[in-house]
PDB file of N, CA and C in Angstrom:
ATOM      1  N   MET A   1     181.319-125.122  -7.368  1.00  0.00           N
ATOM      2  CA  MET A   1     182.003-126.292  -7.894  1.00  0.00           C
ATOM      3  C   MET A   1     181.098-126.995  -8.891  1.00  0.00           C
ATOM      4  N   GLU A   2     181.734-127.708  -9.808  1.00  0.00           N
ATOM      5  CA  GLU A   2     180.982-128.419 -10.819  1.00  0.00           C
ATOM      6  C   GLU A   2     181.757-129.649 -11.289  1.00  0.00           C
ATOM      7  N   VAL A   3     181.038-130.532 -11.957  1.00  0.00           N
ATOM      8  CA  VAL A   3     181.622-131.737 -12.539  1.00  0.00           C
ATOM      9  C   VAL A   3     182.102-131.378 -13.937  1.00  0.00           C
ATOM     10  N   PHE A   4     183.315-131.805 -14.293  1.00  0.00           N
ATOM     11  CA  PHE A   4     183.814-131.565 -15.641  1.00  0.00           C
ATOM     12  C   PHE A   4     184.597-132.770 -16.137  1.00  0.00           C
ATOM     13  N   GLN A   5     184.601-132.953 -17.465  1.00  0.00           N
ATOM     14  CA  GLN A   5     185.340-134.069 -18.060  1.00  0.00           C
ATOM     15  C   GLN A   5     186.804-133.685 -18.143  1.00  0.00           C
ATOM     16  N   ASN A   6     187.680-134.602 -17.742  1.00  0.00           N
ATOM     17  CA  ASN A   6     189.112-134.324 -17.725  1.00  0.00           C
ATOM     18  C   ASN A   6     189.872-135.531 -18.271  1.00  0.00           C
ATOM     19  N   GLY A   7     189.556-135.931 -19.490  1.00  0.00           N
ATOM     20  CA  GLY A   7     190.269-137.038 -20.119  1.00  0.00           C
ATOM     21  C   GLY A   7     189.393-138.269 -20.262  1.00  0.00           C
ATOM     22  N   ARG A   8     190.075-139.404 -20.492  1.00  0.00           N
ATOM     23  CA  ARG A   8     189.380-140.676 -20.690  1.00  0.00           C
ATOM     24  C   ARG A   8     190.129-141.793 -19.984  1.00  0.00           C
ATOM     25  N   PHE A   9     189.371-142.802 -19.528  1.00  0.00           N
ATOM     26  CA  PHE A   9     189.963-144.018 -18.990  1.00  0.00           C
ATOM     27  C   PHE A   9     190.589-144.785 -20.148  1.00  0.00           C
ATOM     28  N   SER A  10     191.414-145.789 -19.855  1.00  0.00           N
ATOM     29  CA  SER A  10     192.036-146.587 -20.919  1.00  0.00           C
ATOM     30  C   SER A  10     190.990-147.321 -21.755  1.00  0.00           C
ATOM     31  N   SER A  11     189.795-147.514 -21.191  1.00  0.00           N
ATOM     32  CA  SER A  11     188.707-148.168 -21.920  1.00  0.00           C
ATOM     33  C   SER A  11     188.042-147.223 -22.929  1.00  0.00           C
ATOM     34  N   GLY A  12     188.391-145.934 -22.872  1.00  0.00           N
ATOM     35  CA  GLY A  12     187.789-144.947 -23.753  1.00  0.00           C
ATOM     36  C   GLY A  12     186.639-144.191 -23.106  1.00  0.00           C
ATOM     37  N   GLU A  13     186.195-144.649 -21.937  1.00  0.00           N
ATOM     38  CA  GLU A  13     185.101-143.989 -21.220  1.00  0.00           C
ATOM     39  C   GLU A  13     185.596-142.654 -20.645  1.00  0.00           C
ATOM     40  N   PRO A  14     184.781-141.590 -20.693  1.00  0.00           N
ATOM     41  CA  PRO A  14     185.205-140.290 -20.168  1.00  0.00           C
ATOM     42  C   PRO A  14     185.492-140.325 -18.665  1.00  0.00           C
ATOM     43  N   VAL A  15     186.488-139.534 -18.248  1.00  0.00           N
ATOM     44  CA  VAL A  15     186.863-139.384 -16.838  1.00  0.00           C
ATOM     45  C   VAL A  15     186.345-138.035 -16.363  1.00  0.00           C
ATOM     46  N   TYR A  16     185.748-138.008 -15.183  1.00  0.00           N
ATOM     47  CA  TYR A  16     185.219-136.767 -14.624  1.00  0.00           C
ATOM     48  C   TYR A  16     185.876-136.470 -13.284  1.00  0.00           C
ATOM     49  N   GLN A  17     186.019-135.169 -12.997  1.00  0.00           N
ATOM     50  CA  GLN A  17     186.510-134.692 -11.708  1.00  0.00           C
ATOM     51  C   GLN A  17     185.618-133.528 -11.274  1.00  0.00           C
ATOM     52  N   ILE A  18     185.870-133.036 -10.069  1.00  0.00           N
ATOM     53  CA  ILE A  18     185.085-131.923  -9.527  1.00  0.00           C
ATOM     54  C   ILE A  18     186.027-130.753  -9.290  1.00  0.00           C
ATOM     55  N   GLY A  19     185.599-129.561  -9.701  1.00  0.00           N
ATOM     56  CA  GLY A  19     186.433-128.389  -9.507  1.00  0.00           C
ATOM     57  C   GLY A  19     185.667-127.111  -9.763  1.00  0.00           C
ATOM     58  N   THR A  20     186.418-126.013  -9.786  1.00  0.00           N
ATOM     59  CA  THR A  20     185.829-124.708 -10.058  1.00  0.00           C
ATOM     60  C   THR A  20     186.387-124.186 -11.373  1.00  0.00           C
ATOM     61  N   ARG A  21     185.531-123.546 -12.153  1.00  0.00           N
ATOM     62  CA  ARG A  21     185.935-123.026 -13.461  1.00  0.00           C
ATOM     63  C   ARG A  21     186.542-121.638 -13.299  1.00  0.00           C
ATOM     64  N   ASN A  22     187.670-121.420 -13.973  1.00  0.00           N
ATOM     65  CA  ASN A  22     188.317-120.112 -14.014  1.00  0.00           C
ATOM     66  C   ASN A  22     187.714-119.288 -15.145  1.00  0.00           C
ATOM     67  N   ALA A  23     187.969-117.988 -15.131  1.00  0.00           N
ATOM     68  CA  ALA A  23     187.437-117.100 -16.154  1.00  0.00           C
ATOM     69  C   ALA A  23     187.923-117.475 -17.551  1.00  0.00           C
ATOM     70  N   ASP A  24     189.112-118.074 -17.655  1.00  0.00           N
ATOM     71  CA  ASP A  24     189.656-118.431 -18.967  1.00  0.00           C
ATOM     72  C   ASP A  24     189.194-119.800 -19.460  1.00  0.00           C
ATOM     73  N   GLY A  25     188.279-120.439 -18.712  1.00  0.00           N
ATOM     74  CA  GLY A  25     187.730-121.726 -19.129  1.00  0.00           C
ATOM     75  C   GLY A  25     188.463-122.935 -18.580  1.00  0.00           C
ATOM     76  N   THR A  26     189.597-122.728 -17.919  1.00  0.00           N
ATOM     77  CA  THR A  26     190.314-123.837 -17.284  1.00  0.00           C
ATOM     78  C   THR A  26     189.681-124.129 -15.929  1.00  0.00           C
ATOM     79  N   TYR A  27     190.121-125.206 -15.283  1.00  0.00           N
ATOM     80  CA  TYR A  27     189.546-125.600 -13.997  1.00  0.00           C
ATOM     81  C   TYR A  27     190.613-125.726 -12.928  1.00  0.00           C
ATOM     82  N   ASN A  28     190.228-125.417 -11.699  1.00  0.00           N
ATOM     83  CA  ASN A  28     191.016-125.766 -10.520  1.00  0.00           C
ATOM     84  C   ASN A  28     190.375-127.023  -9.965  1.00  0.00           C
ATOM     85  N   VAL A  29     191.109-128.130  -9.977  1.00  0.00           N
ATOM     86  CA  VAL A  29     190.563-129.404  -9.521  1.00  0.00           C
ATOM     87  C   VAL A  29     190.477-129.388  -8.001  1.00  0.00           C
ATOM     88  N   GLU A  30     189.292-129.702  -7.476  1.00  0.00           N
ATOM     89  CA  GLU A  30     189.078-129.759  -6.028  1.00  0.00           C
ATOM     90  C   GLU A  30     189.075-131.209  -5.538  1.00  0.00           C
ATOM     91  N   VAL A  31     188.508-132.118  -6.332  1.00  0.00           N
ATOM     92  CA  VAL A  31     188.473-133.544  -6.001  1.00  0.00           C
ATOM     93  C   VAL A  31     189.217-134.263  -7.118  1.00  0.00           C
ATOM     94  N   PHE A  32     190.373-134.834  -6.781  1.00  0.00           N
ATOM     95  CA  PHE A  32     191.249-135.418  -7.796  1.00  0.00           C
ATOM     96  C   PHE A  32     190.874-136.850  -8.187  1.00  0.00           C
ATOM     97  N   ASP A  33     189.905-137.472  -7.486  1.00  0.00           N
ATOM     98  CA  ASP A  33     189.502-138.832  -7.820  1.00  0.00           C
ATOM     99  C   ASP A  33     189.025-138.886  -9.274  1.00  0.00           C
ATOM    100  N   LEU A  34     189.391-139.959  -9.986  1.00  0.00           N
ATOM    101  CA  LEU A  34     188.919-140.171 -11.349  1.00  0.00           C
ATOM    102  C   LEU A  34     187.625-140.952 -11.269  1.00  0.00           C
ATOM    103  N   MET A  35     186.536-140.372 -11.806  1.00  0.00           N
ATOM    104  CA  MET A  35     185.205-140.961 -11.636  1.00  0.00           C
ATOM    105  C   MET A  35     184.439-140.966 -12.946  1.00  0.00           C
ATOM    106  N   THR A  36     183.395-141.810 -12.969  1.00  0.00           N
ATOM    107  CA  THR A  36     182.441-141.736 -14.073  1.00  0.00           C
ATOM    108  C   THR A  36     181.570-140.508 -13.807  1.00  0.00           C
ATOM    109  N   LYS A  37     180.773-140.114 -14.786  1.00  0.00           N
ATOM    110  CA  LYS A  37     179.929-138.939 -14.611  1.00  0.00           C
ATOM    111  C   LYS A  37     178.949-139.124 -13.460  1.00  0.00           C
ATOM    112  N   GLY A  38     178.333-140.287 -13.378  1.00  0.00           N
ATOM    113  CA  GLY A  38     177.388-140.555 -12.298  1.00  0.00           C
ATOM    114  C   GLY A  38     178.038-140.494 -10.930  1.00  0.00           C
ATOM    115  N   GLU A  39     179.235-141.074 -10.813  1.00  0.00           N
ATOM    116  CA  GLU A  39     179.956-141.044  -9.537  1.00  0.00           C
ATOM    117  C   GLU A  39     180.311-139.613  -9.144  1.00  0.00           C
ATOM    118  N   ALA A  40     180.769-138.830 -10.121  1.00  0.00           N
ATOM    119  CA  ALA A  40     181.158-137.447  -9.841  1.00  0.00           C
ATOM    120  C   ALA A  40     179.953-136.598  -9.432  1.00  0.00           C
ATOM    121  N   GLU A  41     178.831-136.785 -10.117  1.00  0.00           N
ATOM    122  CA  GLU A  41     177.635-136.023  -9.759  1.00  0.00           C
ATOM    123  C   GLU A  41     177.135-136.407  -8.372  1.00  0.00           C
ATOM    124  N   ALA A  42     177.183-137.695  -8.031  1.00  0.00           N
ATOM    125  CA  ALA A  42     176.760-138.143  -6.700  1.00  0.00           C
ATOM    126  C   ALA A  42     177.679-137.565  -5.628  1.00  0.00           C
ATOM    127  N   LYS A  43     178.979-137.548  -5.893  1.00  0.00           N
ATOM    128  CA  LYS A  43     179.933-137.002  -4.920  1.00  0.00           C
ATOM    129  C   LYS A  43     179.709-135.499  -4.747  1.00  0.00           C
ATOM    130  N   LEU A  44     179.445-134.784  -5.836  1.00  0.00           N
ATOM    131  CA  LEU A  44     179.179-133.349  -5.753  1.00  0.00           C
ATOM    132  C   LEU A  44     177.931-133.081  -4.915  1.00  0.00           C
ATOM    133  N   LEU A  45     176.879-133.876  -5.129  1.00  0.00           N
ATOM    134  CA  LEU A  45     175.660-133.723  -4.321  1.00  0.00           C
ATOM    135  C   LEU A  45     175.937-134.007  -2.850  1.00  0.00           C
ATOM    136  N   ALA A  46     176.744-135.037  -2.573  1.00  0.00           N
ATOM    137  CA  ALA A  46     177.089-135.379  -1.187  1.00  0.00           C
ATOM    138  C   ALA A  46     177.887-134.258  -0.526  1.00  0.00           C
ATOM    139  N   MET A  47     178.633-133.513  -1.330  1.00  0.00           N
ATOM    140  CA  MET A  47     179.425-132.392  -0.808  1.00  0.00           C
ATOM    141  C   MET A  47     178.578-131.135  -0.638  1.00  0.00           C
ATOM    142  N   GLY A  48     177.300-131.209  -1.041  1.00  0.00           N
ATOM    143  CA  GLY A  48     176.411-130.066  -0.899  1.00  0.00           C
ATOM    144  C   GLY A  48     176.328-129.205  -2.149  1.00  0.00           C
ATOM    145  N   GLY A  49     176.905-129.662  -3.234  1.00  0.00           N
ATOM    146  CA  GLY A  49     176.861-128.911  -4.496  1.00  0.00           C
ATOM    147  C   GLY A  49     175.575-129.172  -5.242  1.00  0.00           C
ATOM    148  N   GLN A  50     175.367-128.417  -6.274  1.00  0.00           N
ATOM    149  CA  GLN A  50     174.186-128.563  -7.113  1.00  0.00           C
ATOM    150  C   GLN A  50     174.574-129.244  -8.418  1.00  0.00           C
ATOM    151  N   PRO A  51     173.726-130.135  -8.923  1.00  0.00           N
ATOM    152  CA  PRO A  51     174.026-130.737 -10.219  1.00  0.00           C
ATOM    153  C   PRO A  51     173.972-129.672 -11.316  1.00  0.00           C
ATOM    154  N   ALA A  52     174.737-129.878 -12.352  1.00  0.00           N
ATOM    155  CA  ALA A  52     174.775-128.914 -13.458  1.00  0.00           C
ATOM    156  C   ALA A  52     173.436-128.885 -14.184  1.00  0.00           C
ATOM    157  N   ALA A  53     173.045-127.696 -14.578  1.00  0.00           N
ATOM    158  CA  ALA A  53     171.819-127.558 -15.365  1.00  0.00           C
ATOM    159  C   ALA A  53     172.086-128.130 -16.759  1.00  0.00           C
ATOM    160  N   PRO A  54     171.097-128.758 -17.354  1.00  0.00           N
ATOM    161  CA  PRO A  54     171.323-129.292 -18.701  1.00  0.00           C
ATOM    162  C   PRO A  54     171.662-128.176 -19.680  1.00  0.00           C
ATOM    163  N   LYS A  55     172.561-128.485 -20.623  1.00  0.00           N
ATOM    164  CA  LYS A  55     172.957-127.492 -21.608  1.00  0.00           C
ATOM    165  C   LYS A  55     171.799-127.244 -22.560  1.00  0.00           C
ATOM    166  N   PRO A  56     171.591-125.977 -22.917  1.00  0.00           N
ATOM    167  CA  PRO A  56     170.513-125.699 -23.869  1.00  0.00           C
ATOM    168  C   PRO A  56     170.851-126.297 -25.233  1.00  0.00           C
ATOM    169  N   LYS A  57     169.817-126.743 -25.934  1.00  0.00           N
ATOM    170  CA  LYS A  57     170.040-127.319 -27.253  1.00  0.00           C
ATOM    171  C   LYS A  57     170.443-126.215 -28.220  1.00  0.00           C
ATOM    172  N   VAL A  58     171.364-126.549 -29.086  1.00  0.00           N
ATOM    173  CA  VAL A  58     171.831-125.604 -30.088  1.00  0.00           C
ATOM    174  C   VAL A  58     170.816-125.558 -31.213  1.00  0.00           C
ATOM    175  N   LYS A  59     170.406-124.356 -31.577  1.00  0.00           N
ATOM    176  CA  LYS A  59     169.459-124.204 -32.673  1.00  0.00           C
ATOM    177  C   LYS A  59     170.249-124.252 -33.979  1.00  0.00           C
ATOM    178  N   VAL A  60     170.048-125.303 -34.738  1.00  0.00           N
ATOM    179  CA  VAL A  60     170.778-125.516 -35.977  1.00  0.00           C
ATOM    180  C   VAL A  60     169.980-124.924 -37.136  1.00  0.00           C
ATOM    181  N   PRO A  61     170.611-124.017 -37.903  1.00  0.00           N
ATOM    182  CA  PRO A  61     169.893-123.445 -39.037  1.00  0.00           C
ATOM    183  C   PRO A  61     169.711-124.480 -40.145  1.00  0.00           C
ATOM    184  N   THR A  62     168.666-124.318 -40.921  1.00  0.00           N
ATOM    185  CA  THR A  62     168.419-125.239 -42.023  1.00  0.00           C
ATOM    186  C   THR A  62     169.415-124.952 -43.148  1.00  0.00           C
ATOM    187  N   VAL A  63     169.603-125.930 -44.022  1.00  0.00           N
ATOM    188  CA  VAL A  63     170.504-125.757 -45.159  1.00  0.00           C
ATOM    189  C   VAL A  63     170.015-124.610 -46.037  1.00  0.00           C
ATOM    190  N   ALA A  64     168.719-124.516 -46.232  1.00  0.00           N
ATOM    191  CA  ALA A  64     168.167-123.430 -47.047  1.00  0.00           C
ATOM    192  C   ALA A  64     168.497-122.072 -46.429  1.00  0.00           C
ATOM    193  N   ARG A  65     168.380-121.969 -45.116  1.00  0.00           N
ATOM    194  CA  ARG A  65     168.685-120.710 -44.423  1.00  0.00           C
ATOM    195  C   ARG A  65     170.170-120.377 -44.558  1.00  0.00           C
ATOM    196  N   ILE A  66     171.036-121.385 -44.413  1.00  0.00           N
ATOM    197  CA  ILE A  66     172.479-121.164 -44.534  1.00  0.00           C
ATOM    198  C   ILE A  66     172.808-120.659 -45.938  1.00  0.00           C
ATOM    199  N   LYS A  67     172.228-121.293 -46.953  1.00  0.00           N
ATOM    200  CA  LYS A  67     172.505-120.894 -48.340  1.00  0.00           C
ATOM    201  C   LYS A  67     171.992-119.493 -48.646  1.00  0.00           C
ATOM    202  N   ALA A  68     170.964-119.033 -47.942  1.00  0.00           N
ATOM    203  CA  ALA A  68     170.394-117.708 -48.176  1.00  0.00           C
ATOM    204  C   ALA A  68     171.186-116.596 -47.490  1.00  0.00           C
ATOM    205  N   MET A  69     172.076-116.960 -46.566  1.00  0.00           N
ATOM    206  CA  MET A  69     172.836-115.953 -45.821  1.00  0.00           C
ATOM    207  C   MET A  69     173.958-115.363 -46.664  1.00  0.00           C
ATOM    208  N   THR A  70     174.313-114.113 -46.359  1.00  0.00           N
ATOM    209  CA  THR A  70     175.463-113.478 -47.005  1.00  0.00           C
ATOM    210  C   THR A  70     176.738-113.970 -46.339  1.00  0.00           C
ATOM    211  N   LYS A  71     177.871-113.668 -46.946  1.00  0.00           N
ATOM    212  CA  LYS A  71     179.160-114.047 -46.353  1.00  0.00           C
ATOM    213  C   LYS A  71     179.318-113.418 -44.965  1.00  0.00           C
ATOM    214  N   ASN A  72     178.907-112.152 -44.836  1.00  0.00           N
ATOM    215  CA  ASN A  72     179.011-111.469 -43.539  1.00  0.00           C
ATOM    216  C   ASN A  72     178.131-112.142 -42.493  1.00  0.00           C
ATOM    217  N   GLU A  73     176.923-112.543 -42.868  1.00  0.00           N
ATOM    218  CA  GLU A  73     176.025-113.228 -41.928  1.00  0.00           C
ATOM    219  C   GLU A  73     176.595-114.587 -41.526  1.00  0.00           C
ATOM    220  N   LEU A  74     177.151-115.306 -42.499  1.00  0.00           N
ATOM    221  CA  LEU A  74     177.773-116.599 -42.191  1.00  0.00           C
ATOM    222  C   LEU A  74     178.924-116.411 -41.207  1.00  0.00           C
ATOM    223  N   GLU A  75     179.740-115.395 -41.460  1.00  0.00           N
ATOM    224  CA  GLU A  75     180.885-115.130 -40.594  1.00  0.00           C
ATOM    225  C   GLU A  75     180.427-114.806 -39.165  1.00  0.00           C
ATOM    226  N   ALA A  76     179.427-113.954 -39.031  1.00  0.00           N
ATOM    227  CA  ALA A  76     178.927-113.566 -37.705  1.00  0.00           C
ATOM    228  C   ALA A  76     178.356-114.775 -36.960  1.00  0.00           C
ATOM    229  N   MET A  77     177.580-115.601 -37.669  1.00  0.00           N
ATOM    230  CA  MET A  77     176.995-116.779 -37.028  1.00  0.00           C
ATOM    231  C   MET A  77     178.082-117.739 -36.560  1.00  0.00           C
ATOM    232  N   MET A  78     179.085-117.958 -37.392  1.00  0.00           N
ATOM    233  CA  MET A  78     180.131-118.916 -37.025  1.00  0.00           C
ATOM    234  C   MET A  78     181.031-118.372 -35.924  1.00  0.00           C
ATOM    235  N   ARG A  79     181.209-117.062 -35.857  1.00  0.00           N
ATOM    236  CA  ARG A  79     181.975-116.489 -34.743  1.00  0.00           C
ATOM    237  C   ARG A  79     181.295-116.800 -33.420  1.00  0.00           C
ATOM    238  N   SER A  80     179.955-116.762 -33.416  1.00  0.00           N
ATOM    239  CA  SER A  80     179.230-117.096 -32.181  1.00  0.00           C
ATOM    240  C   SER A  80     179.409-118.574 -31.827  1.00  0.00           C
ATOM    241  N   GLU A  81     179.803-119.385 -32.802  1.00  0.00           N
ATOM    242  CA  GLU A  81     180.077-120.813 -32.589  1.00  0.00           C
ATOM    243  C   GLU A  81     181.548-121.048 -32.267  1.00  0.00           C
ATOM    244  N   GLY A  82     182.355-119.978 -32.289  1.00  0.00           N
ATOM    245  CA  GLY A  82     183.781-120.126 -32.011  1.00  0.00           C
ATOM    246  C   GLY A  82     184.597-120.549 -33.220  1.00  0.00           C
ATOM    247  N   VAL A  83     184.052-120.359 -34.420  1.00  0.00           N
ATOM    248  CA  VAL A  83     184.728-120.736 -35.662  1.00  0.00           C
ATOM    249  C   VAL A  83     184.939-119.489 -36.495  1.00  0.00           C
ATOM    250  N   GLU A  84     186.149-119.318 -37.006  1.00  0.00           N
ATOM    251  CA  GLU A  84     186.468-118.165 -37.848  1.00  0.00           C
ATOM    252  C   GLU A  84     186.456-118.603 -39.313  1.00  0.00           C
ATOM    253  N   LEU A  85     185.667-117.906 -40.132  1.00  0.00           N
ATOM    254  CA  LEU A  85     185.609-118.182 -41.568  1.00  0.00           C
ATOM    255  C   LEU A  85     186.496-117.183 -42.310  1.00  0.00           C
ATOM    256  N   ASP A  86     187.016-117.618 -43.459  1.00  0.00           N
ATOM    257  CA  ASP A  86     187.823-116.762 -44.313  1.00  0.00           C
ATOM    258  C   ASP A  86     186.934-116.260 -45.449  1.00  0.00           C
ATOM    259  N   ARG A  87     186.477-115.010 -45.350  1.00  0.00           N
ATOM    260  CA  ARG A  87     185.534-114.473 -46.339  1.00  0.00           C
ATOM    261  C   ARG A  87     186.152-114.288 -47.721  1.00  0.00           C
ATOM    262  N   ARG A  88     187.462-114.485 -47.853  1.00  0.00           N
ATOM    263  CA  ARG A  88     188.083-114.406 -49.178  1.00  0.00           C
ATOM    264  C   ARG A  88     187.710-115.611 -50.025  1.00  0.00           C
ATOM    265  N   LYS A  89     187.260-116.677 -49.383  1.00  0.00           N
ATOM    266  CA  LYS A  89     186.867-117.885 -50.110  1.00  0.00           C
ATOM    267  C   LYS A  89     185.483-117.689 -50.739  1.00  0.00           C
ATOM    268  N   ALA A  90     185.184-118.544 -51.712  1.00  0.00           N
ATOM    269  CA  ALA A  90     183.888-118.480 -52.393  1.00  0.00           C
ATOM    270  C   ALA A  90     182.766-118.795 -51.411  1.00  0.00           C
ATOM    271  N   LYS A  91     181.610-118.201 -51.653  1.00  0.00           N
ATOM    272  CA  LYS A  91     180.465-118.411 -50.767  1.00  0.00           C
ATOM    273  C   LYS A  91     180.108-119.884 -50.668  1.00  0.00           C
ATOM    274  N   ASN A  92     180.154-120.624 -51.788  1.00  0.00           N
ATOM    275  CA  ASN A  92     179.846-122.061 -51.757  1.00  0.00           C
ATOM    276  C   ASN A  92     180.774-122.820 -50.819  1.00  0.00           C
ATOM    277  N   THR A  93     182.043-122.421 -50.772  1.00  0.00           N
ATOM    278  CA  THR A  93     183.011-123.055 -49.870  1.00  0.00           C
ATOM    279  C   THR A  93     182.647-122.766 -48.417  1.00  0.00           C
ATOM    280  N   LEU A  94     182.281-121.506 -48.135  1.00  0.00           N
ATOM    281  CA  LEU A  94     181.889-121.136 -46.769  1.00  0.00           C
ATOM    282  C   LEU A  94     180.619-121.868 -46.354  1.00  0.00           C
ATOM    283  N   VAL A  95     179.655-121.948 -47.256  1.00  0.00           N
ATOM    284  CA  VAL A  95     178.402-122.654 -46.966  1.00  0.00           C
ATOM    285  C   VAL A  95     178.700-124.118 -46.635  1.00  0.00           C
ATOM    286  N   ALA A  96     179.591-124.744 -47.400  1.00  0.00           N
ATOM    287  CA  ALA A  96     179.953-126.141 -47.142  1.00  0.00           C
ATOM    288  C   ALA A  96     180.598-126.290 -45.769  1.00  0.00           C
ATOM    289  N   GLN A  97     181.466-125.337 -45.378  1.00  0.00           N
ATOM    290  CA  GLN A  97     182.097-125.377 -44.057  1.00  0.00           C
ATOM    291  C   GLN A  97     181.050-125.273 -42.949  1.00  0.00           C
ATOM    292  N   VAL A  98     180.096-124.370 -43.116  1.00  0.00           N
ATOM    293  CA  VAL A  98     179.066-124.153 -42.100  1.00  0.00           C
ATOM    294  C   VAL A  98     178.187-125.396 -41.966  1.00  0.00           C
ATOM    295  N   ILE A  99     177.771-125.953 -43.098  1.00  0.00           N
ATOM    296  CA  ILE A  99     176.927-127.151 -43.060  1.00  0.00           C
ATOM    297  C   ILE A  99     177.673-128.291 -42.384  1.00  0.00           C
ATOM    298  N   LYS A 100     178.951-128.468 -42.708  1.00  0.00           N
ATOM    299  CA  LYS A 100     179.755-129.538 -42.090  1.00  0.00           C
ATOM    300  C   LYS A 100     179.869-129.316 -40.574  1.00  0.00           C
ATOM    301  N   HIS A 101     180.074-128.056 -40.182  1.00  0.00           N
ATOM    302  CA  HIS A 101     180.194-127.748 -38.745  1.00  0.00           C
ATOM    303  C   HIS A 101     178.942-128.187 -37.990  1.00  0.00           C
ATOM    304  N   PHE A 102     177.771-127.826 -38.498  1.00  0.00           N
ATOM    305  CA  PHE A 102     176.547-128.155 -37.787  1.00  0.00           C
ATOM    306  C   PHE A 102     176.202-129.637 -37.917  1.00  0.00           C
ATOM    307  N   LYS A 103     176.611-130.290 -38.997  1.00  0.00           N
ATOM    308  CA  LYS A 103     176.360-131.727 -39.157  1.00  0.00           C
ATOM    309  C   LYS A 103     177.198-132.522 -38.155  1.00  0.00           C
ATOM    310  N   ASP A 104     178.414-132.035 -37.847  1.00  0.00           N
ATOM    311  CA  ASP A 104     179.311-132.725 -36.919  1.00  0.00           C
ATOM    312  C   ASP A 104     178.912-132.551 -35.458  1.00  0.00           C
ATOM    313  N   LYS A 105     177.995-131.648 -35.167  1.00  0.00           N
ATOM    314  CA  LYS A 105     177.579-131.404 -33.766  1.00  0.00           C
ATOM    315  C   LYS A 105     176.735-132.499 -33.230  1.00  0.00           C
TER     316      LYS A 105
END
């Protein structure tokens, strides 16, 4: 079981619940209470669960490195990020998309 975000309170603060992750990335909710992240993590620990390991930091390529990549390299890198590029577009357009993607992270 793990803590996952499942929406937001009316105040805009994230809502967390406890459940198990399915292979397709969806969750089976085990604890339906709407909680803050701290409350959900404390409840998971009280239930005998383990807190989630911190997510590894994403290694962001430099702008110079992005500009030096070929269209095929850009496409492969962005696929690993879950983004599909259209190689029919100009390289400058693809480079701008990639830079924007990593800037928004």
